[in-house]
Amino acid sequence: MKTHQVQQKTERRISAALRLVFVAALLLGQIALAFFLSTELRQRAAIIYTVLELAAFGYAVRIYNRTDGASYKFGWIFLVLTVPVVGLILYFLWNGDRQQKRLDLKKLPMPEEPEAQQAAHRIQMEKLRRKFPQWERLSVYLSRQGYLLYGETETRYLPTGEMFLQDMLEKLEQAEHFIFLEFFIIAQGQIWDRMAEIFRRKAAAGVEVKLIFDDFGSMMRFPAGQIEALRESGVEVQIFNPVHHYVNRLYFNYRDHRKIVCIDGSTAYTGGANVADEYANLTVRFGYWKDCGIRLDGPGAWGLTREFLHMWQRNGGQLMQERDYYRPHDHREAAGFCQPFVDGPDNNPISTAEDVFLHLINNARRSVHITTPYLAIDEPMRQALCSAGDSGVDVRLLLPGIPDHKFAYLAAQSHYGELLVHHVKIYIYEPGLLHGKTVLSDGEAAFVGSVNMDYRSFQLHFECGTVLYGVPAIEGLAEDIQRITDCSHRVTYQEWKSRPWYRKLLSTLLRLFEMWM
C-alpha cells in the first residue's frame, strides 16, 4: 500500500513538473523572441529600433502616470528603461498595458439583493453609525463596493490552523443541504482524507457538494485520480485557471487564493489556512505553522456564500436550486456587525482589500496590530503605517521567524528601516511561520481573511475576508495577537542596520522585483 502511495506521489509530481516546465519554456521562448527581435531591429533596421527606443521612454512616462500601484508601475518602468525595446515588446506581449484581467470567467454581474435584504443592510448601517462612528467610513466604502453589512451574526475566532480545520470538519459532519468550498491549496493527507470521506457520505445522502481549488496551488499535491473519484461520488469540482492557459498574457499569475467554506447557508468560514496537513501541524515544514480563521453563524454567512456562488457560476457551473435556497434563515442574539467582501484582479485598478487595510490603519486612534506572512507594500501603505506610528498610534507588524519564501522575506526586510524610523514596531514570530492574515484596530474593528500584505494579494490574486466591528470574536483576536507578541523578537533599528552587507545588498536588489515574487 505504501509503495503504491509513493508511486502515485511520484507520478503526480512528475506530471505537475512537466506542466510547469512547459509553461516556463513558453515564457523563456517569449523572452528569447523579444531579445531576438530587438537585436535584429538594431542591426538591420536602426531607424525603427530608434523609434521603438523613443516609444519605450514615452511608455515609461505613461506607466508612471497611471493609477496602478507603485510596485506594478516601478517594475515595468525598470524593465522598459533598462532594456527599452525588449521591455516594450514584453509589455505588450504580456498585456502590461491593461492590468485588469478577466481570464475566461464569465462577465456575470452579481445579482441584486432583494429589497428586504437591502432594508436590513440600511438598518444595520444606521446602528453601526450610532455605535461605532469611527468606522462608518469603512462600512460605507464597502457598501458602495457592493458588500452588505450584517448584524445578528455569531462570530468565533479560531486562533490556530488546528482549531480552524477541526471546527470546520465537525461542521461538515452536520451538513444537511449543501457544502461549498473554495481553496488555494488542496493536498493529500490526513485532513483531506477525513474531508473526502465526509464528502462521499454527504453526496450519497443527497447533500449538494461543490469544490473549487486553484490549479497552481494544488497541482503538485492533489492527484487527478482524486478529482475523478470525487466526481464519480457526486461531488462537483472546478479547477481554477489551469497554469498552462493564457501563458502569452501571464494570466497564470492570477490565482484563486480565497479560503471559503459555506455549510447549509447558516455557517461560513474564512481565514488563512488551506486544506493541507501542515496547516494543522500534522507535518512540520517551517517550525510551528501559526494560522487562524473566523466562523460566521447567521445572516453574515450569506456574505461569503453569495461570493462562492458567483465564482461558481462565473466559472461556468450551474446551481441545483434557486439562489434564495442557499440563504441563511436564522438570526442570532449577537453583538456587533460583520461585512464579508472579496477582491480580485478583474476589479483593478480598484483594490478593495488594500483599501480596507488603509482604512483600518488611517482611522486607528490608539493601536493597529497586523499579522502577515509577507510584506511587499507600495508607498501609500508605507506612508499610512509611518504616519500612524508618528502620530502616537501603537503600530505593530508581526511577521514570521521561519519564512516559506526566503526571497520574499529578504525583500520585506528592505522596508524595515523606514518603518522603524517612524515608530512602527516590528516583531518576528520565533516559533515558526506566522501565516495568519489579520488586522486589529483600536480593539473595535478587525479584518480576518486570506489577504497577505503584499502586491500579489492586493493586485494579482482573488482574495476574501470579513471586516468585524465590535463583535466578541475581536477579544479572541486581541488575546491571540498578544500571545504572538509574547513569543516574538522585536526588531530594533540598530539590529536592522547591522545586517551583513550581502543581506543588505540582496534585500535591496530583490525589492526591485517584489511585484513578481
Protein backbone atom coordinates (compact mmCIF):
# COMPACT_ATOMS: atom_id res chain seq x y z
CA MET A 1 0.00 0.00 0.00
CA LYS A 2 2.78 2.39 0.97
CA THR A 3 4.69 1.58 -2.23
CA HIS A 4 1.57 2.36 -4.27
CA GLN A 5 1.16 5.73 -2.49
CA VAL A 6 4.81 6.61 -3.13
CA GLN A 7 4.37 5.71 -6.79
CA GLN A 8 1.24 7.86 -7.05
CA LYS A 9 3.02 10.79 -5.38
CA THR A 10 5.98 10.44 -7.74
CA GLU A 11 3.73 10.29 -10.81
CA ARG A 12 1.80 13.34 -9.62
CA ARG A 13 4.95 15.36 -9.07
CA ILE A 14 6.34 14.36 -12.47
CA SER A 15 3.09 15.35 -14.17
CA ALA A 16 2.96 18.70 -12.37
CA ALA A 17 6.65 19.35 -13.04
CA LEU A 18 6.16 18.70 -16.76
CA ARG A 19 3.32 21.22 -16.88
CA LEU A 20 5.43 23.82 -15.10
CA VAL A 21 8.38 23.12 -17.40
CA PHE A 22 6.05 23.60 -20.37
CA VAL A 23 4.91 26.98 -19.02
CA ALA A 24 8.48 28.04 -18.19
CA ALA A 25 9.67 27.03 -21.66
CA LEU A 26 6.95 29.11 -23.31
CA LEU A 27 7.82 32.13 -21.18
CA LEU A 28 11.52 31.78 -21.87
CA GLY A 29 10.69 31.42 -25.54
CA GLN A 30 8.79 34.70 -25.45
CA ILE A 31 11.68 36.46 -23.71
CA ALA A 32 14.16 34.99 -26.21
CA LEU A 33 11.93 36.13 -29.08
CA ALA A 34 11.84 39.65 -27.66
CA PHE A 35 15.65 39.77 -27.45
CA PHE A 36 15.97 38.28 -30.96
CA LEU A 37 13.62 40.87 -32.46
CA SER A 38 15.41 43.66 -30.60
CA THR A 39 18.81 42.52 -31.87
CA GLU A 40 17.59 42.13 -35.46
CA LEU A 41 15.98 45.56 -35.45
CA ARG A 42 19.11 47.20 -34.05
CA GLN A 43 21.30 45.56 -36.70
CA ARG A 44 19.03 45.69 -39.74
CA ALA A 45 16.55 48.50 -39.09
CA ALA A 46 18.30 51.09 -36.96
CA ILE A 47 15.67 53.76 -37.62
CA ILE A 48 12.82 51.51 -36.48
CA TYR A 49 14.89 50.48 -33.46
CA THR A 50 15.49 54.12 -32.52
CA VAL A 51 11.78 54.91 -32.90
CA LEU A 52 10.94 51.99 -30.60
CA GLU A 53 13.50 53.22 -28.05
CA LEU A 54 11.85 56.62 -28.03
CA ALA A 55 8.44 54.95 -27.76
CA ALA A 56 9.71 52.94 -24.79
CA PHE A 57 10.69 56.12 -22.95
CA GLY A 58 7.28 57.57 -23.79
CA TYR A 59 5.58 54.49 -22.42
CA ALA A 60 7.68 54.70 -19.26
CA VAL A 61 6.18 58.16 -18.68
CA ARG A 62 2.72 56.82 -19.46
CA ILE A 63 3.13 53.94 -17.00
CA TYR A 64 4.33 56.38 -14.34
CA ASN A 65 1.16 58.47 -14.76
CA ARG A 66 -1.20 55.51 -14.46
CA THR A 67 -3.30 54.93 -11.36
CA ASP A 68 -1.93 51.43 -10.70
CA GLY A 69 0.08 50.54 -7.60
CA ALA A 70 3.63 51.87 -7.34
CA SER A 71 5.15 48.35 -7.33
CA TYR A 72 3.37 47.49 -10.56
CA LYS A 73 4.46 50.73 -12.22
CA PHE A 74 8.05 50.61 -10.96
CA GLY A 75 8.56 47.02 -12.10
CA TRP A 76 7.53 47.80 -15.66
CA ILE A 77 9.34 51.16 -15.76
CA PHE A 78 12.55 49.47 -14.58
CA LEU A 79 12.26 46.83 -17.31
CA VAL A 80 11.33 49.27 -20.09
CA LEU A 81 14.12 51.72 -19.25
CA THR A 82 16.78 49.04 -18.70
CA VAL A 83 16.20 47.21 -22.00
CA PRO A 84 13.85 49.60 -23.87
CA VAL A 85 12.88 47.63 -26.97
CA VAL A 86 12.79 44.24 -25.22
CA GLY A 87 10.83 45.77 -22.34
CA LEU A 88 8.35 47.38 -24.72
CA ILE A 89 7.77 44.12 -26.60
CA LEU A 90 7.21 42.19 -23.36
CA TYR A 91 4.98 44.97 -22.05
CA PHE A 92 2.57 44.49 -24.94
CA LEU A 93 3.07 40.72 -25.19
CA TRP A 94 2.21 40.24 -21.51
CA ASN A 95 -0.67 42.70 -21.57
CA GLY A 96 1.01 45.16 -19.23
CA ASP A 97 -0.98 47.98 -20.81
CA ARG A 98 -4.18 46.62 -19.28
CA GLN A 99 -3.80 45.40 -15.73
CA GLN A 100 -7.47 44.45 -15.49
CA LYS A 101 -7.73 40.69 -16.11
CA ARG A 102 -10.79 38.53 -16.61
CA LEU A 103 -9.33 35.17 -17.63
CA ASP A 104 -12.22 33.20 -19.11
CA LEU A 105 -14.54 33.99 -16.22
CA LYS A 106 -17.99 34.94 -17.42
CA LYS A 107 -18.82 38.64 -17.17
CA LEU A 108 -21.64 37.84 -14.81
CA PRO A 109 -22.90 40.71 -12.65
CA MET A 110 -23.64 39.99 -9.02
CA PRO A 111 -27.44 39.56 -8.69
CA GLU A 112 -29.09 42.44 -6.90
CA GLU A 113 -30.16 41.70 -3.35
CA PRO A 114 -33.92 41.71 -2.57
CA GLU A 115 -35.35 44.91 -1.12
CA ALA A 116 -35.85 43.23 2.27
CA GLN A 117 -32.12 42.40 2.40
CA GLN A 118 -31.17 45.93 1.37
CA ALA A 119 -33.50 47.38 4.00
CA ALA A 120 -31.88 45.18 6.67
CA HIS A 121 -28.49 46.41 5.46
CA ARG A 122 -29.55 50.05 5.83
CA ILE A 123 -30.81 49.40 9.35
CA GLN A 124 -27.51 47.79 10.32
CA MET A 125 -25.57 50.68 8.76
CA GLU A 126 -27.50 53.16 10.89
CA LYS A 127 -26.89 51.09 14.03
CA LEU A 128 -23.17 50.95 13.26
CA ARG A 129 -23.07 54.71 12.64
CA ARG A 130 -24.52 55.35 16.09
CA LYS A 131 -22.45 52.76 17.96
CA PHE A 132 -19.12 52.91 16.09
CA PRO A 133 -18.99 56.27 14.26
CA GLN A 134 -15.23 55.85 13.86
CA TRP A 135 -15.80 53.00 11.41
CA GLU A 136 -18.72 54.43 9.45
CA ARG A 137 -16.48 55.47 6.54
CA LEU A 138 -15.10 51.95 6.15
CA SER A 139 -18.55 50.36 6.23
CA VAL A 140 -19.86 52.93 3.71
CA TYR A 141 -16.86 52.28 1.42
CA LEU A 142 -17.53 48.52 1.41
CA SER A 143 -21.24 49.12 0.98
CA ARG A 144 -20.60 51.19 -2.15
CA GLN A 145 -18.42 48.35 -3.44
CA GLY A 146 -21.50 46.11 -3.13
CA TYR A 147 -20.81 44.37 0.21
CA LEU A 148 -23.61 44.36 2.75
CA LEU A 149 -23.30 44.87 6.50
CA TYR A 150 -24.80 42.17 8.71
CA GLY A 151 -25.82 42.07 12.34
CA GLU A 152 -27.32 39.26 14.44
CA THR A 153 -24.39 37.05 13.44
CA GLU A 154 -22.35 34.97 15.87
CA THR A 155 -18.62 35.15 15.26
CA ARG A 156 -15.97 32.78 16.54
CA TYR A 157 -12.29 33.50 16.13
CA LEU A 158 -10.22 30.34 15.64
CA PRO A 159 -6.63 31.16 16.67
CA THR A 160 -4.80 28.20 15.10
CA GLY A 161 -4.95 26.19 11.91
CA GLU A 162 -5.67 23.09 14.01
CA MET A 163 -8.77 24.70 15.53
CA PHE A 164 -9.89 26.16 12.20
CA LEU A 165 -9.73 22.84 10.35
CA GLN A 166 -11.09 20.73 13.22
CA ASP A 167 -14.05 23.07 13.74
CA MET A 168 -14.73 23.04 10.00
CA LEU A 169 -14.64 19.22 9.84
CA GLU A 170 -17.10 18.97 12.73
CA LYS A 171 -19.49 21.37 10.99
CA LEU A 172 -19.15 19.49 7.70
CA GLU A 173 -20.37 16.37 9.51
CA GLN A 174 -23.57 18.23 10.40
CA ALA A 175 -24.34 19.41 6.85
CA GLU A 176 -27.84 18.52 5.65
CA HIS A 177 -28.35 20.55 2.47
CA PHE A 178 -25.14 21.82 0.88
CA ILE A 179 -21.37 22.18 1.30
CA PHE A 180 -19.35 24.71 -0.70
CA LEU A 181 -15.56 25.03 -0.50
CA GLU A 182 -13.09 27.31 -2.29
CA PHE A 183 -9.36 26.98 -1.50
CA PHE A 184 -5.97 27.83 -2.94
CA ILE A 185 -4.42 24.52 -1.82
CA ILE A 186 -5.97 21.07 -1.54
CA ALA A 187 -3.34 18.49 -0.60
CA GLN A 188 -3.48 14.79 0.11
CA GLY A 189 -3.01 13.92 3.75
CA GLN A 190 -4.89 13.28 6.96
CA ILE A 191 -7.03 16.41 6.75
CA TRP A 192 -8.03 15.73 3.15
CA ASP A 193 -8.74 12.05 3.81
CA ARG A 194 -11.20 13.00 6.55
CA MET A 195 -12.79 15.67 4.38
CA ALA A 196 -13.08 13.46 1.29
CA GLU A 197 -14.76 10.72 3.32
CA ILE A 198 -17.32 13.26 4.59
CA PHE A 199 -17.92 14.47 1.04
CA ARG A 200 -18.59 10.97 -0.24
CA ARG A 201 -21.06 10.18 2.54
CA LYS A 202 -22.85 13.51 2.25
CA ALA A 203 -23.09 13.38 -1.54
CA ALA A 204 -24.53 9.87 -1.29
CA ALA A 205 -27.14 11.22 1.15
CA GLY A 206 -28.20 13.92 -1.32
CA VAL A 207 -26.21 16.85 0.05
CA GLU A 208 -25.05 19.25 -2.67
CA VAL A 209 -21.24 19.37 -2.53
CA LYS A 210 -19.23 21.84 -4.65
CA LEU A 211 -15.47 22.37 -4.58
CA ILE A 212 -13.26 24.99 -6.25
CA PHE A 213 -9.49 24.79 -5.91
CA ASP A 214 -6.63 26.60 -7.58
CA ASP A 215 -4.60 24.63 -10.10
CA PHE A 216 -1.20 26.14 -9.28
CA GLY A 217 -1.70 25.86 -5.52
CA SER A 218 -2.73 22.20 -5.68
CA MET A 219 -1.17 20.70 -8.79
CA MET A 220 1.88 19.22 -7.02
CA ARG A 221 -0.15 17.81 -4.14
CA PHE A 222 -3.56 16.72 -5.41
CA PRO A 223 -3.72 13.86 -7.94
CA ALA A 224 -6.09 13.72 -10.87
CA GLY A 225 -7.36 10.36 -9.60
CA GLN A 226 -8.76 12.05 -6.51
CA ILE A 227 -10.64 14.54 -8.67
CA GLU A 228 -12.21 11.80 -10.75
CA ALA A 229 -13.13 9.81 -7.62
CA LEU A 230 -14.84 12.88 -6.18
CA ARG A 231 -16.83 13.47 -9.35
CA GLU A 232 -17.87 9.85 -9.52
CA SER A 233 -19.16 10.08 -5.95
CA GLY A 234 -21.37 13.05 -6.83
CA VAL A 235 -19.11 15.94 -5.81
CA GLU A 236 -18.91 18.82 -8.31
CA VAL A 237 -15.34 20.03 -8.83
CA GLN A 238 -13.92 23.09 -10.60
CA ILE A 239 -10.20 23.68 -11.16
CA PHE A 240 -9.44 27.38 -11.23
CA ASN A 241 -7.22 28.77 -14.02
CA PRO A 242 -5.07 25.82 -15.20
CA VAL A 243 -1.48 27.05 -15.31
CA HIS A 244 -0.96 26.26 -19.00
CA HIS A 245 -3.75 28.62 -20.07
CA TYR A 246 -3.03 32.22 -21.12
CA VAL A 247 0.77 31.86 -20.95
CA ASN A 248 1.14 34.60 -23.55
CA ARG A 249 -0.58 37.04 -21.17
CA LEU A 250 0.97 35.85 -17.90
CA TYR A 251 -2.55 35.04 -16.73
CA PHE A 252 -1.17 32.09 -14.78
CA ASN A 253 -0.18 34.75 -12.21
CA TYR A 254 -3.85 35.28 -11.38
CA ARG A 255 -4.64 32.70 -8.71
CA ASP A 256 -7.67 31.94 -6.58
CA HIS A 257 -6.19 32.49 -3.11
CA ARG A 258 -9.56 32.56 -1.33
CA LYS A 259 -10.48 30.33 1.59
CA ILE A 260 -14.25 29.99 1.81
CA VAL A 261 -16.38 27.26 3.38
CA CYS A 262 -20.18 27.52 3.36
CA ILE A 263 -22.44 24.98 5.09
CA ASP A 264 -26.25 24.94 4.84
CA GLY A 265 -26.40 28.72 4.48
CA SER A 266 -26.16 29.35 8.21
CA THR A 267 -22.39 28.82 8.67
CA ALA A 268 -19.39 30.15 6.76
CA TYR A 269 -15.63 30.23 7.34
CA THR A 270 -12.71 32.21 6.03
CA GLY A 271 -9.12 32.70 7.14
CA GLY A 272 -5.57 31.83 6.19
CA ALA A 273 -5.50 28.03 6.38
CA ASN A 274 -5.70 25.73 3.37
CA VAL A 275 -6.65 22.05 3.30
CA ALA A 276 -3.23 20.52 3.99
CA ASP A 277 -1.65 18.80 6.97
CA GLU A 278 0.98 21.47 7.68
CA TYR A 279 -1.76 23.98 8.49
CA ALA A 280 -2.83 21.71 11.36
CA ASN A 281 0.81 20.98 12.28
CA LEU A 282 0.35 17.31 11.47
CA THR A 283 3.54 17.69 9.44
CA VAL A 284 6.32 20.18 10.19
CA ARG A 285 7.64 22.36 7.38
CA PHE A 286 8.62 25.78 8.78
CA GLY A 287 8.62 25.32 12.52
CA TYR A 288 5.23 25.83 14.12
CA TRP A 289 2.69 26.86 11.49
CA LYS A 290 0.60 29.60 13.10
CA ASP A 291 -2.64 30.25 11.26
CA CYS A 292 -6.15 31.41 12.14
CA GLY A 293 -9.70 31.81 10.84
CA ILE A 294 -13.16 33.12 11.59
CA ARG A 295 -16.56 31.39 11.65
CA LEU A 296 -19.79 33.26 10.95
CA ASP A 297 -23.14 31.82 12.04
CA GLY A 298 -26.29 33.63 10.97
CA PRO A 299 -27.09 36.27 8.32
CA GLY A 300 -23.43 37.24 7.83
CA ALA A 301 -22.67 33.80 6.38
CA TRP A 302 -24.52 34.88 3.24
CA GLY A 303 -21.78 37.44 2.53
CA LEU A 304 -19.38 34.56 1.78
CA THR A 305 -21.94 32.12 0.35
CA ARG A 306 -23.07 34.54 -2.34
CA GLU A 307 -19.45 35.16 -3.38
CA PHE A 308 -18.84 31.43 -3.74
CA LEU A 309 -21.99 31.08 -5.85
CA HIS A 310 -20.89 33.98 -8.03
CA MET A 311 -17.45 32.47 -8.63
CA TRP A 312 -19.01 29.06 -9.32
CA GLN A 313 -21.31 30.49 -11.99
CA ARG A 314 -18.58 32.69 -13.50
CA ASN A 315 -16.55 29.50 -13.94
CA GLY A 316 -19.45 28.00 -15.87
CA GLY A 317 -21.03 25.99 -13.05
CA GLN A 318 -24.74 25.54 -12.51
CA LEU A 319 -26.83 25.77 -9.34
CA MET A 320 -29.13 22.92 -8.36
CA GLN A 321 -31.59 25.23 -6.63
CA GLU A 322 -32.88 28.77 -6.86
CA ARG A 323 -30.46 31.30 -5.41
CA ASP A 324 -32.64 32.07 -2.39
CA TYR A 325 -32.44 28.41 -1.34
CA TYR A 326 -28.85 28.98 -0.24
CA ARG A 327 -29.59 31.92 2.06
CA PRO A 328 -29.44 31.65 5.87
CA HIS A 329 -32.83 31.61 7.53
CA ASP A 330 -31.87 32.14 11.15
CA HIS A 331 -30.81 35.10 13.27
CA ARG A 332 -28.66 35.02 16.38
CA GLU A 333 -28.57 37.06 19.54
CA ALA A 334 -25.14 38.54 18.89
CA ALA A 335 -23.48 41.91 19.33
CA GLY A 336 -21.61 43.83 16.67
CA PHE A 337 -21.51 43.63 12.90
CA CYS A 338 -19.64 41.84 10.12
CA GLN A 339 -19.03 42.78 6.48
CA PRO A 340 -17.59 40.00 4.29
CA PHE A 341 -16.00 41.05 0.99
CA VAL A 342 -13.88 39.73 -1.86
CA ASP A 343 -11.31 41.22 -4.21
CA GLY A 344 -9.69 40.16 -7.45
CA PRO A 345 -7.57 41.30 -10.40
CA ASP A 346 -10.63 41.83 -12.58
CA ASN A 347 -11.51 44.64 -10.18
CA ASN A 348 -8.27 46.58 -10.87
CA PRO A 349 -7.26 49.35 -10.51
CA ILE A 350 -9.61 49.35 -7.51
CA SER A 351 -8.08 47.24 -4.74
CA THR A 352 -10.80 46.67 -2.18
CA ALA A 353 -8.58 44.62 0.12
CA GLU A 354 -5.78 47.19 0.16
CA ASP A 355 -8.30 49.98 0.75
CA VAL A 356 -9.72 48.07 3.73
CA PHE A 357 -6.25 47.79 5.22
CA LEU A 358 -5.66 51.51 4.67
CA HIS A 359 -8.95 52.40 6.35
CA LEU A 360 -8.13 50.26 9.37
CA ILE A 361 -4.70 51.91 9.67
CA ASN A 362 -5.67 55.51 8.93
CA ASN A 363 -8.71 55.52 11.24
CA ALA A 364 -6.90 53.99 14.20
CA ARG A 365 -6.57 56.30 17.20
CA ARG A 366 -4.77 54.09 19.70
CA SER A 367 -3.43 50.91 18.10
CA VAL A 368 -3.25 48.88 14.92
CA HIS A 369 -1.75 45.40 15.03
CA ILE A 370 -1.17 43.41 11.83
CA THR A 371 -0.16 39.79 11.28
CA THR A 372 1.05 38.82 7.82
CA PRO A 373 3.48 36.26 6.39
CA TYR A 374 4.66 38.63 3.63
CA LEU A 375 5.41 42.34 3.40
CA ALA A 376 5.65 43.89 -0.07
CA ILE A 377 3.91 47.24 0.16
CA ASP A 378 3.51 50.33 -2.01
CA GLU A 379 4.11 53.92 -0.98
CA PRO A 380 0.51 54.60 0.22
CA MET A 381 0.68 51.66 2.63
CA ARG A 382 4.15 52.60 3.90
CA GLN A 383 3.02 56.19 4.32
CA ALA A 384 -0.11 55.13 6.23
CA LEU A 385 1.91 52.94 8.61
CA CYS A 386 4.57 55.62 9.13
CA SER A 387 2.02 58.38 9.65
CA ALA A 388 0.14 56.29 12.21
CA GLY A 389 3.38 55.48 14.03
CA ASP A 390 4.48 59.13 14.07
CA SER A 391 1.09 60.21 15.44
CA GLY A 392 1.47 58.02 18.53
CA VAL A 393 -0.61 55.05 17.42
CA ASP A 394 0.80 51.73 18.65
CA VAL A 395 1.56 50.21 15.23
CA ARG A 396 2.79 46.62 15.27
CA LEU A 397 3.74 44.39 12.35
CA LEU A 398 4.02 40.74 13.35
CA LEU A 399 5.96 38.68 10.81
CA PRO A 400 7.23 35.09 10.54
CA GLY A 401 10.51 33.94 12.05
CA ILE A 402 10.83 30.97 9.68
CA PRO A 403 9.65 32.08 6.20
CA ASP A 404 8.35 29.78 3.50
CA HIS A 405 9.62 32.07 0.72
CA LYS A 406 13.10 33.31 1.57
CA PHE A 407 13.49 35.78 -1.30
CA ALA A 408 10.19 37.47 -0.42
CA TYR A 409 11.32 37.54 3.21
CA LEU A 410 14.58 39.26 2.28
CA ALA A 411 12.74 41.78 0.09
CA ALA A 412 10.42 42.54 3.02
CA GLN A 413 13.42 43.49 5.17
CA SER A 414 14.18 46.37 2.82
CA HIS A 415 11.05 48.10 4.20
CA TYR A 416 12.03 47.75 7.85
CA GLY A 417 14.33 50.76 8.12
CA GLU A 418 11.79 53.38 7.06
CA LEU A 419 9.09 51.81 9.19
CA LEU A 420 11.26 51.59 12.30
CA VAL A 421 12.39 55.22 11.97
CA HIS A 422 8.71 56.20 12.04
CA HIS A 423 7.97 54.28 15.25
CA VAL A 424 6.40 51.20 13.67
CA LYS A 425 7.17 48.19 15.87
CA ILE A 426 8.24 45.04 14.05
CA TYR A 427 8.01 41.65 15.77
CA ILE A 428 9.41 38.39 14.42
CA TYR A 429 7.47 35.28 15.48
CA GLU A 430 10.24 32.97 16.68
CA PRO A 431 8.43 29.57 16.83
CA GLY A 432 7.99 29.40 13.06
CA LEU A 433 5.79 30.57 10.19
CA LEU A 434 3.19 33.17 11.11
CA HIS A 435 0.70 32.62 8.30
CA GLY A 436 -2.47 34.27 9.67
CA LYS A 437 -3.70 37.41 7.93
CA THR A 438 -5.32 39.78 10.40
CA VAL A 439 -5.64 43.48 11.23
CA LEU A 440 -6.85 44.70 14.63
CA SER A 441 -7.59 48.40 15.01
CA ASP A 442 -8.30 50.04 18.39
CA GLY A 443 -9.73 46.76 19.66
CA GLU A 444 -13.00 47.65 17.92
CA ALA A 445 -12.60 46.81 14.23
CA ALA A 446 -10.72 43.93 12.66
CA PHE A 447 -10.04 42.01 9.49
CA VAL A 448 -9.61 38.24 9.20
CA GLY A 449 -9.22 36.56 5.84
CA SER A 450 -6.91 35.34 3.07
CA VAL A 451 -5.23 38.64 2.18
CA ASN A 452 -1.47 38.95 2.60
CA MET A 453 0.11 42.38 2.91
CA ASP A 454 1.79 42.19 -0.46
CA TYR A 455 1.42 43.07 -4.11
CA ARG A 456 0.15 39.64 -5.10
CA SER A 457 -2.79 39.74 -2.72
CA PHE A 458 -3.65 43.36 -3.42
CA GLN A 459 -3.38 43.16 -7.22
CA LEU A 460 -2.98 39.64 -8.64
CA HIS A 461 -4.98 37.18 -6.53
CA PHE A 462 -8.66 36.56 -5.95
CA GLU A 463 -8.99 37.12 -2.19
CA CYS A 464 -11.61 37.25 0.54
CA GLY A 465 -12.13 38.19 4.15
CA THR A 466 -14.50 39.80 6.59
CA VAL A 467 -14.38 43.06 8.49
CA LEU A 468 -15.62 42.80 12.06
CA TYR A 469 -16.99 45.69 14.12
CA GLY A 470 -17.47 45.31 17.87
CA VAL A 471 -18.05 41.56 17.83
CA PRO A 472 -16.94 39.36 20.76
CA ALA A 473 -14.53 37.49 18.46
CA ILE A 474 -12.35 40.61 18.38
CA GLU A 475 -11.41 39.92 22.00
CA GLY A 476 -10.15 36.49 20.94
CA LEU A 477 -8.09 38.07 18.17
CA ALA A 478 -6.61 40.62 20.58
CA GLU A 479 -5.62 37.86 23.01
CA ASP A 480 -4.06 35.87 20.17
CA ILE A 481 -2.03 38.84 18.96
CA GLN A 482 -0.75 39.33 22.50
CA ARG A 483 0.31 35.66 22.63
CA ILE A 484 2.11 36.08 19.31
CA THR A 485 3.85 39.21 20.59
CA ASP A 486 4.94 37.44 23.78
CA CYS A 487 6.85 34.79 21.83
CA SER A 488 8.27 37.17 19.23
CA HIS A 489 11.51 39.12 18.97
CA ARG A 490 11.19 42.87 18.49
CA VAL A 491 13.49 44.21 15.78
CA THR A 492 15.46 47.37 16.57
CA TYR A 493 16.74 49.88 14.05
CA GLN A 494 20.33 49.23 15.10
CA GLU A 495 19.83 45.49 14.63
CA TRP A 496 18.42 46.11 11.15
CA LYS A 497 21.33 48.38 10.23
CA SER A 498 23.83 45.79 11.49
CA ARG A 499 22.82 43.10 9.00
CA PRO A 500 25.65 41.57 6.96
CA TRP A 501 26.44 43.61 3.83
CA TYR A 502 25.44 40.81 1.48
CA ARG A 503 21.96 40.58 3.04
CA LYS A 504 21.55 44.33 2.66
CA LEU A 505 22.56 44.14 -0.99
CA LEU A 506 20.36 41.15 -1.77
CA SER A 507 17.42 42.69 0.07
CA THR A 508 17.72 45.92 -1.91
CA LEU A 509 18.03 44.12 -5.26
CA LEU A 510 15.10 41.80 -4.55
CA ARG A 511 12.89 44.75 -3.71
CA LEU A 512 13.12 45.81 -7.35
CA PHE A 513 11.32 42.61 -8.33
CA GLU A 514 8.93 42.13 -5.39
CA MET A 515 5.91 42.64 -7.65
CA TRP A 516 6.83 39.37 -9.41
CA MET A 517 7.55 37.35 -6.24
